[in-house]
Amino acid sequence: MTAEQTAAELTTRDVFQQVDRRLTLIEEDLRSLDEKLDDKIGGLRSDMTAGFARADTQIGGLRSEMYAQFGALRTELGARLDSHLKWTLGTMISLTGLTLTVFGLIVVFLKL
């Protein structure tokens, strides 16, 4: 098709050639966009994988820290409970001994 041809001189074949050329350009553009989209999706997947790996590492670190803190709290609580239990048992034994002594003295004084 030359520049001098007017719309009346265009044949059906010329019109089909123009449509074919435009469709070919559209197909090429779509293929290019498809490739770009695949690249972007691949990059996004790798970024997400790296982000999830970092999050897993951080969560693992937090878990380790939390387990260490819980272990320290258990140890401290166990030591305090052990100390309080010993003190409470000692007090109960002392009070029992005192009570028996007082009852023994009362019995002795009542016999006199």
PDB file of N, CA and C in Angstrom:
ATOM      1  N   MET A   1       0.849  -1.173   0.000  1.00  0.00           N
ATOM      2  CA  MET A   1       0.000   0.000   0.000  1.00  0.00           C
ATOM      3  C   MET A   1       0.891   1.231   0.000  1.00  0.00           C
ATOM      4  N   THR A   2       0.671   2.098  -0.936  1.00  0.00           N
ATOM      5  CA  THR A   2       1.481   3.302  -1.052  1.00  0.00           C
ATOM      6  C   THR A   2       0.756   4.472  -0.438  1.00  0.00           C
ATOM      7  N   ALA A   3       1.499   5.541  -0.231  1.00  0.00           N
ATOM      8  CA  ALA A   3       0.935   6.726   0.400  1.00  0.00           C
ATOM      9  C   ALA A   3      -0.073   7.413  -0.505  1.00  0.00           C
ATOM     10  N   GLU A   4       0.019   7.211  -1.815  1.00  0.00           N
ATOM     11  CA  GLU A   4      -0.880   7.892  -2.740  1.00  0.00           C
ATOM     12  C   GLU A   4      -2.245   7.242  -2.823  1.00  0.00           C
ATOM     13  N   GLN A   5      -2.380   6.008  -2.331  1.00  0.00           N
ATOM     14  CA  GLN A   5      -3.660   5.320  -2.429  1.00  0.00           C
ATOM     15  C   GLN A   5      -4.676   6.000  -1.513  1.00  0.00           C
ATOM     16  N   THR A   6      -5.866   6.132  -1.989  1.00  0.00           N
ATOM     17  CA  THR A   6      -6.937   6.724  -1.186  1.00  0.00           C
ATOM     18  C   THR A   6      -7.760   5.593  -0.604  1.00  0.00           C
ATOM     19  N   ALA A   7      -8.699   5.936   0.233  1.00  0.00           N
ATOM     20  CA  ALA A   7      -9.535   4.932   0.871  1.00  0.00           C
ATOM     21  C   ALA A   7     -10.323   4.140  -0.163  1.00  0.00           C
ATOM     22  N   ALA A   8     -10.692   4.750  -1.260  1.00  0.00           N
ATOM     23  CA  ALA A   8     -11.461   4.066  -2.289  1.00  0.00           C
ATOM     24  C   ALA A   8     -10.610   3.039  -3.015  1.00  0.00           C
ATOM     25  N   GLU A   9      -9.323   3.274  -3.090  1.00  0.00           N
ATOM     26  CA  GLU A   9      -8.444   2.364  -3.810  1.00  0.00           C
ATOM     27  C   GLU A   9      -8.013   1.165  -2.972  1.00  0.00           C
ATOM     28  N   LEU A  10      -8.302   1.172  -1.664  1.00  0.00           N
ATOM     29  CA  LEU A  10      -7.916   0.064  -0.810  1.00  0.00           C
ATOM     30  C   LEU A  10      -8.751  -1.169  -1.158  1.00  0.00           C
ATOM     31  N   THR A  11      -8.087  -2.267  -1.301  1.00  0.00           N
ATOM     32  CA  THR A  11      -8.792  -3.514  -1.593  1.00  0.00           C
ATOM     33  C   THR A  11      -9.024  -4.257  -0.285  1.00  0.00           C
ATOM     34  N   THR A  12      -9.798  -5.313  -0.406  1.00  0.00           N
ATOM     35  CA  THR A  12     -10.071  -6.147   0.753  1.00  0.00           C
ATOM     36  C   THR A  12      -8.775  -6.742   1.274  1.00  0.00           C
ATOM     37  N   ARG A  13      -7.899  -7.114   0.360  1.00  0.00           N
ATOM     38  CA  ARG A  13      -6.614  -7.677   0.758  1.00  0.00           C
ATOM     39  C   ARG A  13      -5.796  -6.657   1.544  1.00  0.00           C
ATOM     40  N   ASP A  14      -5.817  -5.401   1.127  1.00  0.00           N
ATOM     41  CA  ASP A  14      -5.090  -4.344   1.843  1.00  0.00           C
ATOM     42  C   ASP A  14      -5.640  -4.171   3.264  1.00  0.00           C
ATOM     43  N   VAL A  15      -6.953  -4.222   3.375  1.00  0.00           N
ATOM     44  CA  VAL A  15      -7.585  -4.078   4.688  1.00  0.00           C
ATOM     45  C   VAL A  15      -7.192  -5.252   5.579  1.00  0.00           C
ATOM     46  N   PHE A  16      -7.232  -6.475   5.022  1.00  0.00           N
ATOM     47  CA  PHE A  16      -6.845  -7.647   5.793  1.00  0.00           C
ATOM     48  C   PHE A  16      -5.373  -7.599   6.190  1.00  0.00           C
ATOM     49  N   GLN A  17      -4.525  -7.078   5.327  1.00  0.00           N
ATOM     50  CA  GLN A  17      -3.105  -6.943   5.655  1.00  0.00           C
ATOM     51  C   GLN A  17      -2.905  -5.967   6.812  1.00  0.00           C
ATOM     52  N   GLN A  18      -3.678  -4.863   6.780  1.00  0.00           N
ATOM     53  CA  GLN A  18      -3.583  -3.902   7.887  1.00  0.00           C
ATOM     54  C   GLN A  18      -4.062  -4.528   9.207  1.00  0.00           C
ATOM     55  N   VAL A  19      -5.190  -5.242   9.137  1.00  0.00           N
ATOM     56  CA  VAL A  19      -5.724  -5.899  10.334  1.00  0.00           C
ATOM     57  C   VAL A  19      -4.736  -6.948  10.833  1.00  0.00           C
ATOM     58  N   ASP A  20      -4.163  -7.724   9.886  1.00  0.00           N
ATOM     59  CA  ASP A  20      -3.198  -8.741  10.266  1.00  0.00           C
ATOM     60  C   ASP A  20      -1.977  -8.115  10.929  1.00  0.00           C
ATOM     61  N   ARG A  21      -1.487  -7.031  10.371  1.00  0.00           N
ATOM     62  CA  ARG A  21      -0.321  -6.350  10.954  1.00  0.00           C
ATOM     63  C   ARG A  21      -0.621  -5.826  12.350  1.00  0.00           C
ATOM     64  N   ARG A  22      -1.776  -5.239  12.524  1.00  0.00           N
ATOM     65  CA  ARG A  22      -2.155  -4.720  13.844  1.00  0.00           C
ATOM     66  C   ARG A  22      -2.332  -5.851  14.857  1.00  0.00           C
ATOM     67  N   LEU A  23      -2.945  -6.955  14.432  1.00  0.00           N
ATOM     68  CA  LEU A  23      -3.095  -8.103  15.326  1.00  0.00           C
ATOM     69  C   LEU A  23      -1.743  -8.703  15.688  1.00  0.00           C
ATOM     70  N   THR A  24      -0.831  -8.724  14.718  1.00  0.00           N
ATOM     71  CA  THR A  24       0.518  -9.217  14.983  1.00  0.00           C
ATOM     72  C   THR A  24       1.207  -8.348  16.024  1.00  0.00           C
ATOM     73  N   LEU A  25       1.076  -7.036  15.892  1.00  0.00           N
ATOM     74  CA  LEU A  25       1.670  -6.115  16.873  1.00  0.00           C
ATOM     75  C   LEU A  25       1.048  -6.318  18.263  1.00  0.00           C
ATOM     76  N   ILE A  26      -0.262  -6.515  18.300  1.00  0.00           N
ATOM     77  CA  ILE A  26      -0.940  -6.742  19.585  1.00  0.00           C
ATOM     78  C   ILE A  26      -0.444  -8.039  20.211  1.00  0.00           C
ATOM     79  N   GLU A  27      -0.310  -9.108  19.392  1.00  0.00           N
ATOM     80  CA  GLU A  27       0.197 -10.380  19.905  1.00  0.00           C
ATOM     81  C   GLU A  27       1.610 -10.233  20.465  1.00  0.00           C
ATOM     82  N   GLU A  28       2.461  -9.482  19.755  1.00  0.00           N
ATOM     83  CA  GLU A  28       3.828  -9.259  20.230  1.00  0.00           C
ATOM     84  C   GLU A  28       3.830  -8.494  21.548  1.00  0.00           C
ATOM     85  N   ASP A  29       2.967  -7.485  21.640  1.00  0.00           N
ATOM     86  CA  ASP A  29       2.860  -6.722  22.884  1.00  0.00           C
ATOM     87  C   ASP A  29       2.387  -7.613  24.036  1.00  0.00           C
ATOM     88  N   LEU A  30       1.401  -8.471  23.749  1.00  0.00           N
ATOM     89  CA  LEU A  30       0.903  -9.368  24.793  1.00  0.00           C
ATOM     90  C   LEU A  30       1.976 -10.358  25.225  1.00  0.00           C
ATOM     91  N   ARG A  31       2.755 -10.881  24.292  1.00  0.00           N
ATOM     92  CA  ARG A  31       3.832 -11.798  24.642  1.00  0.00           C
ATOM     93  C   ARG A  31       4.874 -11.084  25.511  1.00  0.00           C
ATOM     94  N   SER A  32       5.172  -9.854  25.131  1.00  0.00           N
ATOM     95  CA  SER A  32       6.139  -9.070  25.907  1.00  0.00           C
ATOM     96  C   SER A  32       5.611  -8.815  27.319  1.00  0.00           C
ATOM     97  N   LEU A  33       4.346  -8.446  27.418  1.00  0.00           N
ATOM     98  CA  LEU A  33       3.744  -8.214  28.733  1.00  0.00           C
ATOM     99  C   LEU A  33       3.698  -9.504  29.547  1.00  0.00           C
ATOM    100  N   ASP A  34       3.416 -10.625  28.881  1.00  0.00           N
ATOM    101  CA  ASP A  34       3.389 -11.910  29.572  1.00  0.00           C
ATOM    102  C   ASP A  34       4.763 -12.250  30.140  1.00  0.00           C
ATOM    103  N   GLU A  35       5.810 -12.010  29.374  1.00  0.00           N
ATOM    104  CA  GLU A  35       7.167 -12.273  29.855  1.00  0.00           C
ATOM    105  C   GLU A  35       7.523 -11.366  31.027  1.00  0.00           C
ATOM    106  N   LYS A  36       7.146 -10.078  30.899  1.00  0.00           N
ATOM    107  CA  LYS A  36       7.423  -9.143  31.997  1.00  0.00           C
ATOM    108  C   LYS A  36       6.664  -9.548  33.257  1.00  0.00           C
ATOM    109  N   LEU A  37       5.416  -9.962  33.069  1.00  0.00           N
ATOM    110  CA  LEU A  37       4.606 -10.375  34.207  1.00  0.00           C
ATOM    111  C   LEU A  37       5.199 -11.620  34.869  1.00  0.00           C
ATOM    112  N   ASP A  38       5.650 -12.573  34.050  1.00  0.00           N
ATOM    113  CA  ASP A  38       6.300 -13.762  34.606  1.00  0.00           C
ATOM    114  C   ASP A  38       7.544 -13.391  35.401  1.00  0.00           C
ATOM    115  N   ASP A  39       8.339 -12.456  34.876  1.00  0.00           N
ATOM    116  CA  ASP A  39       9.534 -12.006  35.594  1.00  0.00           C
ATOM    117  C   ASP A  39       9.162 -11.347  36.922  1.00  0.00           C
ATOM    118  N   LYS A  40       8.142 -10.493  36.887  1.00  0.00           N
ATOM    119  CA  LYS A  40       7.717  -9.798  38.111  1.00  0.00           C
ATOM    120  C   LYS A  40       7.189 -10.793  39.139  1.00  0.00           C
ATOM    121  N   ILE A  41       6.409 -11.770  38.684  1.00  0.00           N
ATOM    122  CA  ILE A  41       5.864 -12.769  39.600  1.00  0.00           C
ATOM    123  C   ILE A  41       6.997 -13.603  40.193  1.00  0.00           C
ATOM    124  N   GLY A  42       7.968 -13.956  39.358  1.00  0.00           N
ATOM    125  CA  GLY A  42       9.129 -14.705  39.860  1.00  0.00           C
ATOM    126  C   GLY A  42       9.888 -13.910  40.909  1.00  0.00           C
ATOM    127  N   GLY A  43      10.082 -12.612  40.651  1.00  0.00           N
ATOM    128  CA  GLY A  43      10.752 -11.753  41.628  1.00  0.00           C
ATOM    129  C   GLY A  43       9.955 -11.634  42.912  1.00  0.00           C
ATOM    130  N   LEU A  44       8.648 -11.509  42.769  1.00  0.00           N
ATOM    131  CA  LEU A  44       7.782 -11.412  43.940  1.00  0.00           C
ATOM    132  C   LEU A  44       7.843 -12.694  44.762  1.00  0.00           C
ATOM    133  N   ARG A  45       7.851 -13.840  44.071  1.00  0.00           N
ATOM    134  CA  ARG A  45       7.951 -15.113  44.790  1.00  0.00           C
ATOM    135  C   ARG A  45       9.261 -15.209  45.554  1.00  0.00           C
ATOM    136  N   SER A  46      10.345 -14.824  44.926  1.00  0.00           N
ATOM    137  CA  SER A  46      11.640 -14.904  45.622  1.00  0.00           C
ATOM    138  C   SER A  46      11.690 -13.917  46.788  1.00  0.00           C
ATOM    139  N   ASP A  47      11.118 -12.723  46.605  1.00  0.00           N
ATOM    140  CA  ASP A  47      11.072 -11.756  47.717  1.00  0.00           C
ATOM    141  C   ASP A  47      10.243 -12.295  48.878  1.00  0.00           C
ATOM    142  N   MET A  48       9.102 -12.913  48.550  1.00  0.00           N
ATOM    143  CA  MET A  48       8.241 -13.459  49.603  1.00  0.00           C
ATOM    144  C   MET A  48       8.933 -14.626  50.307  1.00  0.00           C
ATOM    145  N   THR A  49       9.616 -15.462  49.540  1.00  0.00           N
ATOM    146  CA  THR A  49      10.335 -16.582  50.143  1.00  0.00           C
ATOM    147  C   THR A  49      11.414 -16.076  51.087  1.00  0.00           C
ATOM    148  N   ALA A  50      12.145 -15.067  50.651  1.00  0.00           N
ATOM    149  CA  ALA A  50      13.190 -14.492  51.514  1.00  0.00           C
ATOM    150  C   ALA A  50      12.564 -13.853  52.761  1.00  0.00           C
ATOM    151  N   GLY A  51      11.445 -13.170  52.579  1.00  0.00           N
ATOM    152  CA  GLY A  51      10.766 -12.546  53.722  1.00  0.00           C
ATOM    153  C   GLY A  51      10.258 -13.584  54.717  1.00  0.00           C
ATOM    154  N   PHE A  52       9.684 -14.666  54.192  1.00  0.00           N
ATOM    155  CA  PHE A  52       9.210 -15.723  55.080  1.00  0.00           C
ATOM    156  C   PHE A  52      10.373 -16.392  55.797  1.00  0.00           C
ATOM    157  N   ALA A  53      11.492 -16.553  55.106  1.00  0.00           N
ATOM    158  CA  ALA A  53      12.673 -17.156  55.744  1.00  0.00           C
ATOM    159  C   ALA A  53      13.165 -16.264  56.883  1.00  0.00           C
ATOM    160  N   ARG A  54      13.182 -14.933  56.649  1.00  0.00           N
ATOM    161  CA  ARG A  54      13.587 -14.004  57.711  1.00  0.00           C
ATOM    162  C   ARG A  54      12.610 -14.070  58.883  1.00  0.00           C
ATOM    163  N   ALA A  55      11.316 -14.119  58.568  1.00  0.00           N
ATOM    164  CA  ALA A  55      10.309 -14.193  59.634  1.00  0.00           C
ATOM    165  C   ALA A  55      10.468 -15.484  60.425  1.00  0.00           C
ATOM    166  N   ASP A  56      10.709 -16.601  59.734  1.00  0.00           N
ATOM    167  CA  ASP A  56      10.920 -17.877  60.433  1.00  0.00           C
ATOM    168  C   ASP A  56      12.140 -17.801  61.339  1.00  0.00           C
ATOM    169  N   THR A  57      13.202 -17.174  60.860  1.00  0.00           N
ATOM    170  CA  THR A  57      14.412 -17.034  61.668  1.00  0.00           C
ATOM    171  C   THR A  57      14.138 -16.183  62.906  1.00  0.00           C
ATOM    172  N   GLN A  58      13.425 -15.085  62.710  1.00  0.00           N
ATOM    173  CA  GLN A  58      13.109 -14.210  63.842  1.00  0.00           C
ATOM    174  C   GLN A  58      12.199 -14.908  64.839  1.00  0.00           C
ATOM    175  N   ILE A  59      11.221 -15.641  64.331  1.00  0.00           N
ATOM    176  CA  ILE A  59      10.311 -16.366  65.224  1.00  0.00           C
ATOM    177  C   ILE A  59      11.084 -17.429  65.995  1.00  0.00           C
ATOM    178  N   GLY A  60      12.001 -18.111  65.307  1.00  0.00           N
ATOM    179  CA  GLY A  60      12.825 -19.107  65.991  1.00  0.00           C
ATOM    180  C   GLY A  60      13.658 -18.480  67.098  1.00  0.00           C
ATOM    181  N   GLY A  61      14.224 -17.298  66.819  1.00  0.00           N
ATOM    182  CA  GLY A  61      14.998 -16.589  67.839  1.00  0.00           C
ATOM    183  C   GLY A  61      14.134 -16.179  69.019  1.00  0.00           C
ATOM    184  N   LEU A  62      12.928 -15.700  68.719  1.00  0.00           N
ATOM    185  CA  LEU A  62      12.013 -15.306  69.795  1.00  0.00           C
ATOM    186  C   LEU A  62      11.594 -16.507  70.628  1.00  0.00           C
ATOM    187  N   ARG A  63      11.378 -17.638  69.955  1.00  0.00           N
ATOM    188  CA  ARG A  63      11.018 -18.846  70.701  1.00  0.00           C
ATOM    189  C   ARG A  63      12.152 -19.260  71.642  1.00  0.00           C
ATOM    190  N   SER A  64      13.373 -19.227  71.133  1.00  0.00           N
ATOM    191  CA  SER A  64      14.516 -19.593  71.976  1.00  0.00           C
ATOM    192  C   SER A  64      14.625 -18.664  73.176  1.00  0.00           C
ATOM    193  N   GLU A  65      14.458 -17.386  72.923  1.00  0.00           N
ATOM    194  CA  GLU A  65      14.517 -16.404  74.015  1.00  0.00           C
ATOM    195  C   GLU A  65      13.395 -16.632  75.022  1.00  0.00           C
ATOM    196  N   MET A  66      12.201 -16.927  74.503  1.00  0.00           N
ATOM    197  CA  MET A  66      11.058 -17.163  75.375  1.00  0.00           C
ATOM    198  C   MET A  66      11.283 -18.416  76.224  1.00  0.00           C
ATOM    199  N   TYR A  67      11.787 -19.495  75.607  1.00  0.00           N
ATOM    200  CA  TYR A  67      12.062 -20.713  76.362  1.00  0.00           C
ATOM    201  C   TYR A  67      13.113 -20.464  77.436  1.00  0.00           C
ATOM    202  N   ALA A  68      14.114 -19.662  77.120  1.00  0.00           N
ATOM    203  CA  ALA A  68      15.142 -19.343  78.110  1.00  0.00           C
ATOM    204  C   ALA A  68      14.538 -18.560  79.275  1.00  0.00           C
ATOM    205  N   GLN A  69      13.679 -17.588  78.963  1.00  0.00           N
ATOM    206  CA  GLN A  69      13.036 -16.796  80.016  1.00  0.00           C
ATOM    207  C   GLN A  69      12.138 -17.672  80.880  1.00  0.00           C
ATOM    208  N   PHE A  70      11.360 -18.546  80.231  1.00  0.00           N
ATOM    209  CA  PHE A  70      10.491 -19.441  81.005  1.00  0.00           C
ATOM    210  C   PHE A  70      11.312 -20.370  81.890  1.00  0.00           C
ATOM    211  N   GLY A  71      12.429 -20.854  81.372  1.00  0.00           N
ATOM    212  CA  GLY A  71      13.295 -21.714  82.175  1.00  0.00           C
ATOM    213  C   GLY A  71      13.824 -20.980  83.394  1.00  0.00           C
ATOM    214  N   ALA A  72      14.244 -19.730  83.192  1.00  0.00           N
ATOM    215  CA  ALA A  72      14.751 -18.939  84.316  1.00  0.00           C
ATOM    216  C   ALA A  72      13.638 -18.670  85.333  1.00  0.00           C
ATOM    217  N   LEU A  73      12.434 -18.380  84.833  1.00  0.00           N
ATOM    218  CA  LEU A  73      11.312 -18.141  85.752  1.00  0.00           C
ATOM    219  C   LEU A  73      10.966 -19.405  86.536  1.00  0.00           C
ATOM    220  N   ARG A  74      10.982 -20.560  85.864  1.00  0.00           N
ATOM    221  CA  ARG A  74      10.703 -21.817  86.562  1.00  0.00           C
ATOM    222  C   ARG A  74      11.735 -22.065  87.667  1.00  0.00           C
ATOM    223  N   THR A  75      12.986 -21.826  87.340  1.00  0.00           N
ATOM    224  CA  THR A  75      14.046 -22.043  88.323  1.00  0.00           C
ATOM    225  C   THR A  75      13.875 -21.118  89.518  1.00  0.00           C
ATOM    226  N   GLU A  76      13.618 -19.848  89.238  1.00  0.00           N
ATOM    227  CA  GLU A  76      13.438 -18.878  90.321  1.00  0.00           C
ATOM    228  C   GLU A  76      12.199 -19.190  91.149  1.00  0.00           C
ATOM    229  N   LEU A  77      11.112 -19.510  90.468  1.00  0.00           N
ATOM    230  CA  LEU A  77       9.875 -19.827  91.173  1.00  0.00           C
ATOM    231  C   LEU A  77      10.049 -21.093  92.004  1.00  0.00           C
ATOM    232  N   GLY A  78      10.719 -22.090  91.437  1.00  0.00           N
ATOM    233  CA  GLY A  78      10.975 -23.319  92.188  1.00  0.00           C
ATOM    234  C   GLY A  78      11.799 -23.054  93.432  1.00  0.00           C
ATOM    235  N   ALA A  79      12.816 -22.213  93.307  1.00  0.00           N
ATOM    236  CA  ALA A  79      13.659 -21.894  94.465  1.00  0.00           C
ATOM    237  C   ALA A  79      12.849 -21.148  95.529  1.00  0.00           C
ATOM    238  N   ARG A  80      12.030 -20.209  95.089  1.00  0.00           N
ATOM    239  CA  ARG A  80      11.223 -19.448  96.060  1.00  0.00           C
ATOM    240  C   ARG A  80      10.188 -20.345  96.735  1.00  0.00           C
ATOM    241  N   LEU A  81       9.519 -21.188  95.936  1.00  0.00           N
ATOM    242  CA  LEU A  81       8.538 -22.090  96.535  1.00  0.00           C
ATOM    243  C   LEU A  81       9.204 -23.064  97.494  1.00  0.00           C
ATOM    244  N   ASP A  82      10.383 -23.543  97.119  1.00  0.00           N
ATOM    245  CA  ASP A  82      11.119 -24.455  97.994  1.00  0.00           C
ATOM    246  C   ASP A  82      11.450 -23.766  99.310  1.00  0.00           C
ATOM    247  N   SER A  83      11.902 -22.523  99.216  1.00  0.00           N
ATOM    248  CA  SER A  83      12.236 -21.765 100.428  1.00  0.00           C
ATOM    249  C   SER A  83      10.989 -21.525 101.271  1.00  0.00           C
ATOM    250  N   HIS A  84       9.895 -21.119 100.636  1.00  0.00           N
ATOM    251  CA  HIS A  84       8.657 -20.857 101.384  1.00  0.00           C
ATOM    252  C   HIS A  84       8.091 -22.146 101.972  1.00  0.00           C
ATOM    253  N   LEU A  85       8.196 -23.227 101.240  1.00  0.00           N
ATOM    254  CA  LEU A  85       7.694 -24.502 101.737  1.00  0.00           C
ATOM    255  C   LEU A  85       8.483 -24.948 102.970  1.00  0.00           C
ATOM    256  N   LYS A  86       9.792 -24.815 102.897  1.00  0.00           N
ATOM    257  CA  LYS A  86      10.627 -25.182 104.041  1.00  0.00           C
ATOM    258  C   LYS A  86      10.307 -24.307 105.253  1.00  0.00           C
ATOM    259  N   TRP A  87      10.137 -23.016 105.013  1.00  0.00           N
ATOM    260  CA  TRP A  87       9.835 -22.102 106.107  1.00  0.00           C
ATOM    261  C   TRP A  87       8.476 -22.437 106.707  1.00  0.00           C
ATOM    262  N   THR A  88       7.483 -22.727 105.845  1.00  0.00           N
ATOM    263  CA  THR A  88       6.136 -23.052 106.315  1.00  0.00           C
ATOM    264  C   THR A  88       6.145 -24.358 107.106  1.00  0.00           C
ATOM    265  N   LEU A  89       6.838 -25.374 106.588  1.00  0.00           N
ATOM    266  CA  LEU A  89       6.918 -26.645 107.317  1.00  0.00           C
ATOM    267  C   LEU A  89       7.632 -26.480 108.656  1.00  0.00           C
ATOM    268  N   GLY A  90       8.684 -25.700 108.656  1.00  0.00           N
ATOM    269  CA  GLY A  90       9.401 -25.441 109.915  1.00  0.00           C
ATOM    270  C   GLY A  90       8.510 -24.750 110.920  1.00  0.00           C
ATOM    271  N   THR A  91       7.742 -23.767 110.466  1.00  0.00           N
ATOM    272  CA  THR A  91       6.820 -23.049 111.349  1.00  0.00           C
ATOM    273  C   THR A  91       5.747 -23.989 111.891  1.00  0.00           C
ATOM    274  N   MET A  92       5.194 -24.847 111.010  1.00  0.00           N
ATOM    275  CA  MET A  92       4.156 -25.786 111.447  1.00  0.00           C
ATOM    276  C   MET A  92       4.699 -26.770 112.484  1.00  0.00           C
ATOM    277  N   ILE A  93       5.901 -27.268 112.261  1.00  0.00           N
ATOM    278  CA  ILE A  93       6.505 -28.198 113.226  1.00  0.00           C
ATOM    279  C   ILE A  93       6.759 -27.493 114.551  1.00  0.00           C
ATOM    280  N   SER A  94       7.243 -26.264 114.482  1.00  0.00           N
ATOM    281  CA  SER A  94       7.500 -25.497 115.718  1.00  0.00           C
ATOM    282  C   SER A  94       6.207 -25.234 116.471  1.00  0.00           C
ATOM    283  N   LEU A  95       5.150 -24.857 115.750  1.00  0.00           N
ATOM    284  CA  LEU A  95       3.866 -24.601 116.407  1.00  0.00           C
ATOM    285  C   LEU A  95       3.285 -25.878 116.994  1.00  0.00           C
ATOM    286  N   THR A  96       3.469 -26.985 116.300  1.00  0.00           N
ATOM    287  CA  THR A  96       2.989 -28.269 116.836  1.00  0.00           C
ATOM    288  C   THR A  96       3.738 -28.610 118.117  1.00  0.00           C
ATOM    289  N   GLY A  97       5.050 -28.428 118.090  1.00  0.00           N
ATOM    290  CA  GLY A  97       5.851 -28.678 119.298  1.00  0.00           C
ATOM    291  C   GLY A  97       5.452 -27.762 120.430  1.00  0.00           C
ATOM    292  N   LEU A  98       5.223 -26.491 120.127  1.00  0.00           N
ATOM    293  CA  LEU A  98       4.804 -25.529 121.151  1.00  0.00           C
ATOM    294  C   LEU A  98       3.452 -25.916 121.726  1.00  0.00           C
ATOM    295  N   THR A  99       2.525 -26.322 120.850  1.00  0.00           N
ATOM    296  CA  THR A  99       1.192 -26.720 121.303  1.00  0.00           C
ATOM    297  C   THR A  99       1.282 -27.936 122.223  1.00  0.00           C
ATOM    298  N   LEU A 100       2.078 -28.923 121.820  1.00  0.00           N
ATOM    299  CA  LEU A 100       2.241 -30.115 122.668  1.00  0.00           C
ATOM    300  C   LEU A 100       2.881 -29.763 124.014  1.00  0.00           C
ATOM    301  N   THR A 101       3.817 -28.863 123.982  1.00  0.00           N
ATOM    302  CA  THR A 101       4.473 -28.440 125.225  1.00  0.00           C
ATOM    303  C   THR A 101       3.472 -27.748 126.136  1.00  0.00           C
ATOM    304  N   VAL A 102       2.659 -26.860 125.547  1.00  0.00           N
ATOM    305  CA  VAL A 102       1.662 -26.138 126.359  1.00  0.00           C
ATOM    306  C   VAL A 102       0.660 -27.123 126.943  1.00  0.00           C
ATOM    307  N   PHE A 103       0.168 -28.072 126.130  1.00  0.00           N
ATOM    308  CA  PHE A 103      -0.775 -29.066 126.656  1.00  0.00           C
ATOM    309  C   PHE A 103      -0.120 -29.938 127.731  1.00  0.00           C
ATOM    310  N   GLY A 104       1.139 -30.249 127.512  1.00  0.00           N
ATOM    311  CA  GLY A 104       1.864 -31.045 128.527  1.00  0.00           C
ATOM    312  C   GLY A 104       1.978 -30.288 129.846  1.00  0.00           C
ATOM    313  N   LEU A 105       2.266 -28.998 129.774  1.00  0.00           N
ATOM    314  CA  LEU A 105       2.364 -28.176 130.988  1.00  0.00           C
ATOM    315  C   LEU A 105       1.016 -28.064 131.669  1.00  0.00           C
ATOM    316  N   ILE A 106      -0.034 -27.933 130.882  1.00  0.00           N
ATOM    317  CA  ILE A 106      -1.384 -27.827 131.459  1.00  0.00           C
ATOM    318  C   ILE A 106      -1.716 -29.127 132.208  1.00  0.00           C
ATOM    319  N   VAL A 107      -1.381 -30.252 131.589  1.00  0.00           N
ATOM    320  CA  VAL A 107      -1.649 -31.541 132.224  1.00  0.00           C
ATOM    321  C   VAL A 107      -0.850 -31.670 133.520  1.00  0.00           C
ATOM    322  N   VAL A 108       0.408 -31.254 133.488  1.00  0.00           N
ATOM    323  CA  VAL A 108       1.247 -31.318 134.677  1.00  0.00           C
ATOM    324  C   VAL A 108       0.668 -30.436 135.774  1.00  0.00           C
ATOM    325  N   PHE A 109       0.253 -29.228 135.448  1.00  0.00           N
ATOM    326  CA  PHE A 109      -0.281 -28.308 136.452  1.00  0.00           C
ATOM    327  C   PHE A 109      -1.630 -28.802 136.982  1.00  0.00           C
ATOM    328  N   LEU A 110      -2.410 -29.468 136.142  1.00  0.00           N
ATOM    329  CA  LEU A 110      -3.699 -29.970 136.617  1.00  0.00           C
ATOM    330  C   LEU A 110      -3.525 -31.166 137.562  1.00  0.00           C
ATOM    331  N   LYS A 111      -2.468 -31.909 137.434  1.00  0.00           N
ATOM    332  CA  LYS A 111      -2.207 -33.050 138.310  1.00  0.00           C
ATOM    333  C   LYS A 111      -1.700 -32.584 139.678  1.00  0.00           C
ATOM    334  N   LEU A 112      -1.168 -31.436 139.746  1.00  0.00           N
ATOM    335  CA  LEU A 112      -0.633 -30.964 141.021  1.00  0.00           C
ATOM    336  C   LEU A 112      -1.731 -30.535 141.888  1.00  0.00           C
TER     337      LEU A 112
END
